[in-house]
């Protein structure tokens, strides 16, 4: 963790290695000082057989990279995406070819929350896809993660355990 801007009370830049319970490892990089970047939230996931790549600045495209095959570009709003993921089908509001992104993502969270509250009031069972919205526990887990990052930054140990 580094603060590059003099007088700033929060860190400007962070780089950390992460190790997941299932043995997977990753790199987290977050920066407020990347000159020329507008947002550039991006996620790369690599496994034994393939990988995925997604960029918030181009949210309608998911790059699917399978071993020994050309990269596929999956576009939001197409039937093939909904066949692979009921959650993606539910979250899609517009037909393919129309931009959909940040505001719709927030609307999907609010919709799922409202549908869950409505179903609970009516005594109906709520599907897991509908219950897909952040809970208080998720916020607490995020704060605990940040606390662990701060502890790790001040430690000489290689790995700092994340107390869930």
N, C-alpha and C. Protein backbone atom coordinates (compact mmCIF):
# COMPACT_ATOMS: atom_id res chain seq x y z
N UNK A 1 0.85 -1.16 0.00
CA UNK A 1 0.00 0.00 0.00
C UNK A 1 0.90 1.23 0.00
N UNK A 2 0.55 2.18 -0.85
CA UNK A 2 1.38 3.37 -0.99
C UNK A 2 0.50 4.60 -1.12
N UNK A 3 0.95 5.70 -0.53
CA UNK A 3 0.32 7.00 -0.72
C UNK A 3 1.31 7.86 -1.49
N UNK A 4 0.96 8.22 -2.71
CA UNK A 4 1.85 9.02 -3.55
C UNK A 4 1.53 10.52 -3.46
N UNK A 5 0.28 10.85 -3.18
CA UNK A 5 -0.12 12.26 -3.12
C UNK A 5 0.12 12.78 -1.70
N UNK A 6 1.02 13.74 -1.53
CA UNK A 6 1.32 14.26 -0.19
C UNK A 6 0.07 14.78 0.51
N UNK A 7 -0.07 14.41 1.78
CA UNK A 7 -1.20 14.90 2.58
C UNK A 7 -2.46 14.08 2.46
N UNK A 8 -2.54 13.18 1.50
CA UNK A 8 -3.73 12.35 1.34
C UNK A 8 -3.81 11.37 2.51
N UNK A 9 -5.01 11.21 3.08
CA UNK A 9 -5.16 10.37 4.27
C UNK A 9 -5.49 8.92 3.92
N UNK A 10 -5.69 8.64 2.65
CA UNK A 10 -5.93 7.25 2.24
C UNK A 10 -4.85 6.84 1.25
N UNK A 11 -4.70 5.54 1.10
CA UNK A 11 -3.69 5.03 0.18
C UNK A 11 -4.12 5.23 -1.26
N UNK A 12 -3.17 5.58 -2.11
CA UNK A 12 -3.42 5.81 -3.53
C UNK A 12 -3.36 4.53 -4.35
N UNK A 13 -2.57 3.58 -3.89
CA UNK A 13 -2.22 2.45 -4.73
C UNK A 13 -2.00 1.21 -3.85
N UNK A 14 -2.54 0.08 -4.30
CA UNK A 14 -2.35 -1.17 -3.55
C UNK A 14 -2.11 -2.31 -4.52
N UNK A 15 -1.21 -3.17 -4.15
CA UNK A 15 -0.93 -4.40 -4.89
C UNK A 15 -0.81 -5.51 -3.85
N UNK A 16 -1.55 -6.60 -4.04
CA UNK A 16 -1.42 -7.69 -3.08
C UNK A 16 -1.68 -9.03 -3.75
N UNK A 17 -1.06 -10.03 -3.19
CA UNK A 17 -1.29 -11.41 -3.61
C UNK A 17 -2.40 -11.96 -2.74
N UNK A 18 -3.30 -12.74 -3.33
CA UNK A 18 -4.39 -13.35 -2.57
C UNK A 18 -4.38 -14.85 -2.79
N UNK A 19 -4.77 -15.57 -1.74
CA UNK A 19 -4.83 -17.03 -1.81
C UNK A 19 -6.22 -17.42 -1.31
N UNK A 20 -6.99 -18.14 -2.15
CA UNK A 20 -8.35 -18.50 -1.83
C UNK A 20 -8.41 -19.85 -1.12
N UNK A 21 -9.53 -20.11 -0.45
CA UNK A 21 -9.71 -21.36 0.30
C UNK A 21 -9.54 -22.60 -0.58
N UNK A 22 -9.91 -22.50 -1.86
CA UNK A 22 -9.83 -23.66 -2.75
C UNK A 22 -8.43 -23.86 -3.35
N UNK A 23 -7.46 -23.03 -2.92
CA UNK A 23 -6.09 -23.15 -3.40
C UNK A 23 -5.74 -22.21 -4.54
N UNK A 24 -6.75 -21.59 -5.16
CA UNK A 24 -6.48 -20.64 -6.24
C UNK A 24 -5.76 -19.43 -5.68
N UNK A 25 -4.96 -18.81 -6.53
CA UNK A 25 -4.22 -17.61 -6.14
C UNK A 25 -4.51 -16.50 -7.12
N UNK A 26 -4.32 -15.27 -6.67
CA UNK A 26 -4.60 -14.15 -7.55
C UNK A 26 -3.81 -12.92 -7.17
N UNK A 27 -4.00 -11.88 -7.95
CA UNK A 27 -3.35 -10.59 -7.73
C UNK A 27 -4.45 -9.53 -7.72
N UNK A 28 -4.41 -8.67 -6.73
CA UNK A 28 -5.33 -7.55 -6.66
C UNK A 28 -4.51 -6.28 -6.81
N UNK A 29 -4.89 -5.46 -7.76
CA UNK A 29 -4.23 -4.17 -7.96
C UNK A 29 -5.32 -3.11 -8.01
N UNK A 30 -5.21 -2.11 -7.18
CA UNK A 30 -6.17 -1.00 -7.19
C UNK A 30 -5.37 0.28 -7.08
N UNK A 31 -5.72 1.26 -7.92
CA UNK A 31 -4.95 2.50 -7.93
C UNK A 31 -5.85 3.68 -8.26
N UNK A 32 -5.60 4.78 -7.58
CA UNK A 32 -6.28 6.04 -7.89
C UNK A 32 -5.38 6.98 -8.67
N UNK A 33 -4.19 6.51 -9.02
CA UNK A 33 -3.20 7.39 -9.63
C UNK A 33 -2.76 6.92 -11.01
N UNK A 34 -3.53 6.08 -11.65
CA UNK A 34 -3.16 5.58 -12.98
C UNK A 34 -3.51 6.64 -14.02
N UNK A 35 -2.55 7.47 -14.33
CA UNK A 35 -2.75 8.60 -15.23
C UNK A 35 -3.28 8.12 -16.57
N UNK A 36 -4.33 8.77 -17.04
CA UNK A 36 -4.91 8.44 -18.34
C UNK A 36 -6.05 7.44 -18.27
N UNK A 37 -6.19 6.76 -17.15
CA UNK A 37 -7.29 5.79 -17.01
C UNK A 37 -8.54 6.51 -16.54
N UNK A 38 -9.68 6.13 -17.09
CA UNK A 38 -10.95 6.71 -16.64
C UNK A 38 -11.55 5.89 -15.51
N UNK A 39 -11.51 4.60 -15.64
CA UNK A 39 -12.01 3.72 -14.59
C UNK A 39 -11.20 2.43 -14.64
N UNK A 40 -11.35 1.68 -15.70
CA UNK A 40 -10.55 0.50 -15.99
C UNK A 40 -10.66 -0.62 -14.98
N UNK A 41 -11.84 -0.77 -14.34
CA UNK A 41 -12.06 -1.95 -13.52
C UNK A 41 -12.05 -3.14 -14.47
N UNK A 42 -11.19 -4.10 -14.21
CA UNK A 42 -11.07 -5.27 -15.08
C UNK A 42 -10.87 -6.51 -14.24
N UNK A 43 -11.37 -7.63 -14.73
CA UNK A 43 -11.23 -8.91 -14.04
C UNK A 43 -10.71 -9.93 -15.03
N UNK A 44 -9.66 -10.62 -14.64
CA UNK A 44 -9.12 -11.74 -15.40
C UNK A 44 -9.16 -12.96 -14.50
N UNK A 45 -9.67 -14.06 -15.00
CA UNK A 45 -9.71 -15.32 -14.26
C UNK A 45 -9.12 -16.39 -15.16
N UNK A 46 -8.12 -17.12 -14.66
CA UNK A 46 -7.49 -18.18 -15.43
C UNK A 46 -7.55 -19.48 -14.65
N UNK A 47 -7.91 -20.56 -15.35
CA UNK A 47 -7.94 -21.89 -14.75
C UNK A 47 -7.13 -22.85 -15.59
N UNK A 48 -7.27 -24.13 -15.30
CA UNK A 48 -6.49 -25.15 -16.01
C UNK A 48 -6.91 -25.29 -17.47
N UNK A 49 -8.19 -25.06 -17.77
CA UNK A 49 -8.71 -25.30 -19.12
C UNK A 49 -9.03 -24.03 -19.90
N UNK A 50 -9.04 -22.87 -19.21
CA UNK A 50 -9.37 -21.66 -19.93
C UNK A 50 -9.37 -20.45 -19.02
N UNK A 51 -9.81 -19.34 -19.57
CA UNK A 51 -9.84 -18.10 -18.82
C UNK A 51 -10.98 -17.20 -19.25
N UNK A 52 -11.26 -16.19 -18.43
CA UNK A 52 -12.28 -15.19 -18.70
C UNK A 52 -11.66 -13.81 -18.51
N UNK A 53 -12.13 -12.85 -19.30
CA UNK A 53 -11.66 -11.48 -19.18
C UNK A 53 -12.85 -10.55 -19.36
N UNK A 54 -12.97 -9.55 -18.47
CA UNK A 54 -14.08 -8.60 -18.52
C UNK A 54 -13.57 -7.23 -18.10
N UNK A 55 -14.08 -6.18 -18.78
CA UNK A 55 -13.69 -4.80 -18.50
C UNK A 55 -14.95 -3.96 -18.29
N UNK A 56 -15.01 -3.22 -17.18
CA UNK A 56 -16.18 -2.40 -16.90
C UNK A 56 -16.40 -1.32 -17.96
N UNK A 57 -15.33 -0.82 -18.56
CA UNK A 57 -15.48 0.21 -19.59
C UNK A 57 -16.12 -0.34 -20.86
N UNK A 58 -16.12 -1.67 -21.01
CA UNK A 58 -16.77 -2.34 -22.14
C UNK A 58 -17.58 -3.51 -21.58
N UNK A 59 -18.62 -3.21 -20.80
CA UNK A 59 -19.29 -4.23 -20.01
C UNK A 59 -20.12 -5.24 -20.80
N UNK A 60 -20.38 -4.98 -22.05
CA UNK A 60 -21.22 -5.89 -22.83
C UNK A 60 -20.45 -7.07 -23.39
N UNK A 61 -19.15 -7.12 -23.17
CA UNK A 61 -18.31 -8.17 -23.76
C UNK A 61 -17.59 -8.97 -22.69
N UNK A 62 -17.69 -10.28 -22.79
CA UNK A 62 -16.94 -11.21 -21.94
C UNK A 62 -16.06 -12.03 -22.87
N UNK A 63 -14.77 -12.02 -22.62
CA UNK A 63 -13.83 -12.77 -23.46
C UNK A 63 -13.62 -14.14 -22.82
N UNK A 64 -13.96 -15.17 -23.58
CA UNK A 64 -13.86 -16.56 -23.12
C UNK A 64 -12.69 -17.20 -23.86
N UNK A 65 -11.70 -17.65 -23.09
CA UNK A 65 -10.46 -18.16 -23.67
C UNK A 65 -10.28 -19.61 -23.24
N UNK A 66 -10.54 -20.54 -24.16
CA UNK A 66 -10.41 -21.96 -23.87
C UNK A 66 -9.11 -22.49 -24.46
N UNK A 67 -8.48 -23.41 -23.76
CA UNK A 67 -7.21 -23.98 -24.18
C UNK A 67 -7.31 -24.52 -25.61
N UNK A 68 -6.42 -24.10 -26.49
CA UNK A 68 -6.36 -24.60 -27.85
C UNK A 68 -7.44 -24.08 -28.78
N UNK A 69 -8.19 -23.06 -28.36
CA UNK A 69 -9.26 -22.51 -29.18
C UNK A 69 -9.07 -21.01 -29.33
N UNK A 70 -9.65 -20.44 -30.39
CA UNK A 70 -9.59 -18.98 -30.50
C UNK A 70 -10.42 -18.32 -29.41
N UNK A 71 -10.08 -17.11 -29.04
CA UNK A 71 -10.84 -16.37 -28.04
C UNK A 71 -12.24 -16.10 -28.56
N UNK A 72 -13.24 -16.37 -27.71
CA UNK A 72 -14.63 -16.08 -28.05
C UNK A 72 -15.03 -14.78 -27.38
N UNK A 73 -15.88 -14.01 -28.03
CA UNK A 73 -16.43 -12.80 -27.44
C UNK A 73 -17.91 -13.05 -27.21
N UNK A 74 -18.27 -13.19 -25.94
CA UNK A 74 -19.68 -13.37 -25.59
C UNK A 74 -20.28 -11.99 -25.36
N UNK A 75 -21.40 -11.73 -26.04
CA UNK A 75 -22.01 -10.42 -25.97
C UNK A 75 -23.31 -10.49 -25.17
N UNK A 76 -23.44 -9.57 -24.24
CA UNK A 76 -24.61 -9.49 -23.37
C UNK A 76 -25.89 -9.39 -24.19
N UNK A 77 -26.94 -10.02 -23.70
CA UNK A 77 -28.25 -9.92 -24.34
C UNK A 77 -28.53 -10.98 -25.38
N UNK A 78 -27.58 -11.83 -25.68
CA UNK A 78 -27.79 -12.90 -26.66
C UNK A 78 -28.29 -14.17 -25.95
N UNK A 79 -29.09 -14.96 -26.67
CA UNK A 79 -29.70 -16.15 -26.08
C UNK A 79 -28.67 -17.13 -25.53
N UNK A 80 -27.51 -17.26 -26.19
CA UNK A 80 -26.51 -18.23 -25.74
C UNK A 80 -25.99 -17.90 -24.34
N UNK A 81 -25.98 -16.64 -23.95
CA UNK A 81 -25.53 -16.27 -22.61
C UNK A 81 -26.57 -16.71 -21.59
N UNK A 82 -27.83 -16.44 -21.87
CA UNK A 82 -28.91 -16.85 -20.97
C UNK A 82 -29.01 -18.35 -20.81
N UNK A 83 -28.67 -19.10 -21.85
CA UNK A 83 -28.68 -20.57 -21.74
C UNK A 83 -27.61 -21.07 -20.79
N UNK A 84 -26.50 -20.35 -20.71
CA UNK A 84 -25.40 -20.73 -19.81
C UNK A 84 -25.62 -20.22 -18.39
N UNK A 85 -26.35 -19.11 -18.24
CA UNK A 85 -26.50 -18.51 -16.92
C UNK A 85 -27.88 -17.88 -16.75
N UNK A 86 -28.69 -18.48 -15.90
CA UNK A 86 -30.02 -17.92 -15.61
C UNK A 86 -29.88 -16.55 -14.95
N UNK A 87 -28.83 -16.37 -14.16
CA UNK A 87 -28.60 -15.07 -13.50
C UNK A 87 -28.32 -13.99 -14.54
N UNK A 88 -27.53 -14.31 -15.56
CA UNK A 88 -27.24 -13.34 -16.62
C UNK A 88 -28.51 -13.02 -17.40
N UNK A 89 -29.33 -14.03 -17.65
CA UNK A 89 -30.59 -13.81 -18.37
C UNK A 89 -31.50 -12.87 -17.57
N UNK A 90 -31.59 -13.08 -16.26
CA UNK A 90 -32.44 -12.23 -15.42
C UNK A 90 -31.92 -10.80 -15.37
N UNK A 91 -30.61 -10.64 -15.35
CA UNK A 91 -30.01 -9.32 -15.19
C UNK A 91 -30.01 -8.50 -16.48
N UNK A 92 -30.27 -9.12 -17.62
CA UNK A 92 -30.27 -8.42 -18.89
C UNK A 92 -31.62 -7.74 -19.11
N UNK A 93 -31.59 -6.45 -19.33
CA UNK A 93 -32.82 -5.68 -19.50
C UNK A 93 -33.08 -5.27 -20.95
N UNK A 94 -32.02 -5.11 -21.71
CA UNK A 94 -32.16 -4.62 -23.09
C UNK A 94 -31.71 -5.69 -24.07
N UNK A 95 -32.23 -5.64 -25.30
CA UNK A 95 -31.76 -6.60 -26.31
C UNK A 95 -30.30 -6.33 -26.68
N UNK A 96 -29.67 -7.34 -27.26
CA UNK A 96 -28.27 -7.19 -27.65
C UNK A 96 -28.11 -6.01 -28.60
N UNK A 97 -26.93 -5.41 -28.57
CA UNK A 97 -26.64 -4.27 -29.42
C UNK A 97 -26.94 -2.93 -28.77
N UNK A 98 -27.63 -2.95 -27.63
CA UNK A 98 -27.92 -1.71 -26.91
C UNK A 98 -27.04 -1.68 -25.67
N UNK A 99 -26.34 -0.57 -25.42
CA UNK A 99 -25.45 -0.54 -24.26
C UNK A 99 -26.22 -0.67 -22.95
N UNK A 100 -25.66 -1.43 -22.07
CA UNK A 100 -26.27 -1.65 -20.76
C UNK A 100 -25.12 -1.79 -19.77
N UNK A 101 -25.20 -1.10 -18.64
CA UNK A 101 -24.04 -1.20 -17.77
C UNK A 101 -24.33 -0.79 -16.34
N UNK A 102 -23.60 0.22 -15.87
CA UNK A 102 -23.53 0.56 -14.46
C UNK A 102 -24.90 0.82 -13.83
N UNK A 103 -25.71 1.68 -14.43
CA UNK A 103 -27.02 2.00 -13.84
C UNK A 103 -27.92 0.77 -13.79
N UNK A 104 -27.87 -0.04 -14.84
CA UNK A 104 -28.68 -1.26 -14.86
C UNK A 104 -28.19 -2.25 -13.81
N UNK A 105 -26.88 -2.29 -13.56
CA UNK A 105 -26.35 -3.18 -12.53
C UNK A 105 -26.92 -2.81 -11.16
N UNK A 106 -26.95 -1.51 -10.87
CA UNK A 106 -27.53 -1.06 -9.60
C UNK A 106 -29.03 -1.37 -9.57
N UNK A 107 -29.71 -1.16 -10.68
CA UNK A 107 -31.14 -1.45 -10.75
C UNK A 107 -31.41 -2.94 -10.52
N UNK A 108 -30.54 -3.80 -11.01
CA UNK A 108 -30.71 -5.24 -10.79
C UNK A 108 -30.57 -5.60 -9.32
N UNK A 109 -29.66 -4.94 -8.62
CA UNK A 109 -29.52 -5.17 -7.18
C UNK A 109 -30.80 -4.75 -6.46
N UNK A 110 -31.31 -3.56 -6.80
CA UNK A 110 -32.54 -3.07 -6.16
C UNK A 110 -33.73 -3.98 -6.50
N UNK A 111 -33.81 -4.43 -7.74
CA UNK A 111 -34.90 -5.32 -8.15
C UNK A 111 -34.87 -6.62 -7.36
N UNK A 112 -33.70 -7.22 -7.26
CA UNK A 112 -33.59 -8.48 -6.51
C UNK A 112 -33.95 -8.28 -5.04
N UNK A 113 -33.49 -7.19 -4.45
CA UNK A 113 -33.83 -6.91 -3.06
C UNK A 113 -35.34 -6.74 -2.90
N UNK A 114 -35.96 -5.92 -3.77
CA UNK A 114 -37.40 -5.67 -3.68
C UNK A 114 -38.19 -6.95 -3.90
N UNK A 115 -37.79 -7.77 -4.88
CA UNK A 115 -38.49 -9.03 -5.13
C UNK A 115 -38.36 -9.98 -3.95
N UNK A 116 -37.23 -9.96 -3.27
CA UNK A 116 -37.02 -10.80 -2.08
C UNK A 116 -37.91 -10.33 -0.93
N UNK A 117 -37.96 -9.03 -0.70
CA UNK A 117 -38.83 -8.48 0.35
C UNK A 117 -40.28 -8.82 0.04
N UNK A 118 -40.70 -8.63 -1.21
CA UNK A 118 -42.08 -8.91 -1.62
C UNK A 118 -42.42 -10.38 -1.39
N UNK A 119 -41.52 -11.27 -1.81
CA UNK A 119 -41.76 -12.70 -1.64
C UNK A 119 -41.84 -13.07 -0.16
N UNK A 120 -40.98 -12.50 0.67
CA UNK A 120 -41.03 -12.78 2.10
C UNK A 120 -42.34 -12.31 2.72
N UNK A 121 -42.81 -11.13 2.32
CA UNK A 121 -44.10 -10.62 2.83
C UNK A 121 -45.23 -11.54 2.42
N UNK A 122 -45.17 -12.06 1.20
CA UNK A 122 -46.23 -12.93 0.68
C UNK A 122 -46.05 -14.39 1.10
N UNK A 123 -44.97 -14.68 1.84
CA UNK A 123 -44.72 -16.05 2.30
C UNK A 123 -44.31 -17.00 1.20
N UNK A 124 -43.73 -16.47 0.13
CA UNK A 124 -43.31 -17.30 -0.99
C UNK A 124 -41.82 -17.62 -0.89
N UNK A 125 -41.44 -18.75 -1.46
CA UNK A 125 -40.03 -19.14 -1.49
C UNK A 125 -39.30 -18.25 -2.50
N UNK A 126 -38.09 -17.83 -2.14
CA UNK A 126 -37.31 -16.94 -3.00
C UNK A 126 -36.18 -17.73 -3.66
N UNK A 127 -36.14 -17.67 -4.97
CA UNK A 127 -35.11 -18.35 -5.75
C UNK A 127 -33.75 -17.74 -5.45
N UNK A 128 -32.70 -18.56 -5.51
CA UNK A 128 -31.33 -18.09 -5.23
C UNK A 128 -30.91 -16.96 -6.16
N UNK A 129 -31.36 -16.98 -7.41
CA UNK A 129 -30.99 -15.93 -8.36
C UNK A 129 -31.59 -14.59 -7.92
N UNK A 130 -32.80 -14.63 -7.37
CA UNK A 130 -33.45 -13.41 -6.90
C UNK A 130 -32.77 -12.88 -5.63
N UNK A 131 -32.24 -13.78 -4.81
CA UNK A 131 -31.56 -13.38 -3.56
C UNK A 131 -30.15 -12.87 -3.82
N UNK A 132 -29.77 -12.72 -5.07
CA UNK A 132 -28.42 -12.28 -5.42
C UNK A 132 -28.29 -10.76 -5.30
N UNK A 133 -28.04 -10.30 -4.09
CA UNK A 133 -27.75 -8.89 -3.83
C UNK A 133 -26.89 -8.84 -2.58
N UNK A 134 -26.12 -7.76 -2.42
CA UNK A 134 -25.22 -7.68 -1.25
C UNK A 134 -26.00 -7.65 0.06
N UNK A 135 -25.49 -8.40 1.03
CA UNK A 135 -26.08 -8.44 2.37
C UNK A 135 -25.15 -7.68 3.32
N UNK A 136 -25.61 -7.45 4.53
CA UNK A 136 -24.80 -6.79 5.55
C UNK A 136 -23.51 -7.57 5.76
N UNK A 137 -23.60 -8.89 5.76
CA UNK A 137 -22.41 -9.73 5.95
C UNK A 137 -21.37 -9.50 4.85
N UNK A 138 -21.83 -9.22 3.64
CA UNK A 138 -20.90 -8.94 2.53
C UNK A 138 -20.14 -7.64 2.79
N UNK A 139 -20.84 -6.63 3.29
CA UNK A 139 -20.18 -5.37 3.62
C UNK A 139 -19.17 -5.55 4.74
N UNK A 140 -19.55 -6.33 5.76
CA UNK A 140 -18.64 -6.62 6.86
C UNK A 140 -17.42 -7.38 6.37
N UNK A 141 -17.64 -8.36 5.50
CA UNK A 141 -16.52 -9.14 4.95
C UNK A 141 -15.57 -8.22 4.18
N UNK A 142 -16.11 -7.28 3.42
CA UNK A 142 -15.27 -6.33 2.69
C UNK A 142 -14.44 -5.48 3.63
N UNK A 143 -15.04 -5.02 4.73
CA UNK A 143 -14.30 -4.22 5.71
C UNK A 143 -13.23 -5.06 6.38
N UNK A 144 -13.52 -6.32 6.69
CA UNK A 144 -12.53 -7.20 7.29
C UNK A 144 -11.37 -7.46 6.32
N UNK A 145 -11.70 -7.57 5.03
CA UNK A 145 -10.66 -7.75 4.02
C UNK A 145 -9.73 -6.54 4.00
N UNK A 146 -10.31 -5.35 4.02
CA UNK A 146 -9.49 -4.13 4.03
C UNK A 146 -8.64 -4.06 5.29
N UNK A 147 -9.20 -4.45 6.42
CA UNK A 147 -8.44 -4.48 7.67
C UNK A 147 -7.26 -5.45 7.56
N UNK A 148 -7.49 -6.59 6.91
CA UNK A 148 -6.42 -7.57 6.70
C UNK A 148 -5.34 -7.00 5.79
N UNK A 149 -5.74 -6.26 4.74
CA UNK A 149 -4.76 -5.62 3.87
C UNK A 149 -3.87 -4.65 4.64
N UNK A 150 -4.49 -3.86 5.50
CA UNK A 150 -3.71 -2.91 6.31
C UNK A 150 -2.74 -3.64 7.23
N UNK A 151 -3.22 -4.71 7.85
CA UNK A 151 -2.37 -5.51 8.73
C UNK A 151 -1.21 -6.11 7.94
N UNK A 152 -1.51 -6.63 6.76
CA UNK A 152 -0.49 -7.26 5.93
C UNK A 152 0.56 -6.24 5.47
N UNK A 153 0.10 -5.04 5.11
CA UNK A 153 1.02 -4.00 4.64
C UNK A 153 2.04 -3.62 5.71
N UNK A 154 1.65 -3.74 6.97
CA UNK A 154 2.56 -3.40 8.05
C UNK A 154 3.31 -4.59 8.62
N UNK A 155 3.20 -5.75 7.96
CA UNK A 155 3.81 -6.98 8.46
C UNK A 155 4.97 -7.41 7.58
N UNK A 156 5.88 -8.15 8.15
CA UNK A 156 6.99 -8.70 7.36
C UNK A 156 6.70 -10.14 6.94
N UNK A 157 5.53 -10.67 7.32
CA UNK A 157 5.16 -12.04 6.95
C UNK A 157 4.80 -12.12 5.46
N UNK A 158 4.98 -13.31 4.89
CA UNK A 158 4.66 -13.52 3.49
C UNK A 158 3.13 -13.52 3.28
N UNK A 159 2.40 -14.22 4.14
CA UNK A 159 0.94 -14.31 4.03
C UNK A 159 0.31 -13.87 5.34
N UNK A 160 -0.74 -13.08 5.25
CA UNK A 160 -1.52 -12.67 6.41
C UNK A 160 -2.88 -13.33 6.30
N UNK A 161 -3.24 -14.19 7.26
CA UNK A 161 -4.53 -14.87 7.15
C UNK A 161 -5.70 -13.90 7.24
N UNK A 162 -6.74 -14.20 6.49
CA UNK A 162 -7.96 -13.39 6.47
C UNK A 162 -8.95 -14.06 7.40
N UNK A 163 -9.22 -13.42 8.52
CA UNK A 163 -10.19 -13.96 9.48
C UNK A 163 -11.58 -13.59 9.02
N UNK A 164 -12.32 -14.61 8.60
CA UNK A 164 -13.67 -14.35 8.07
C UNK A 164 -14.63 -14.13 9.19
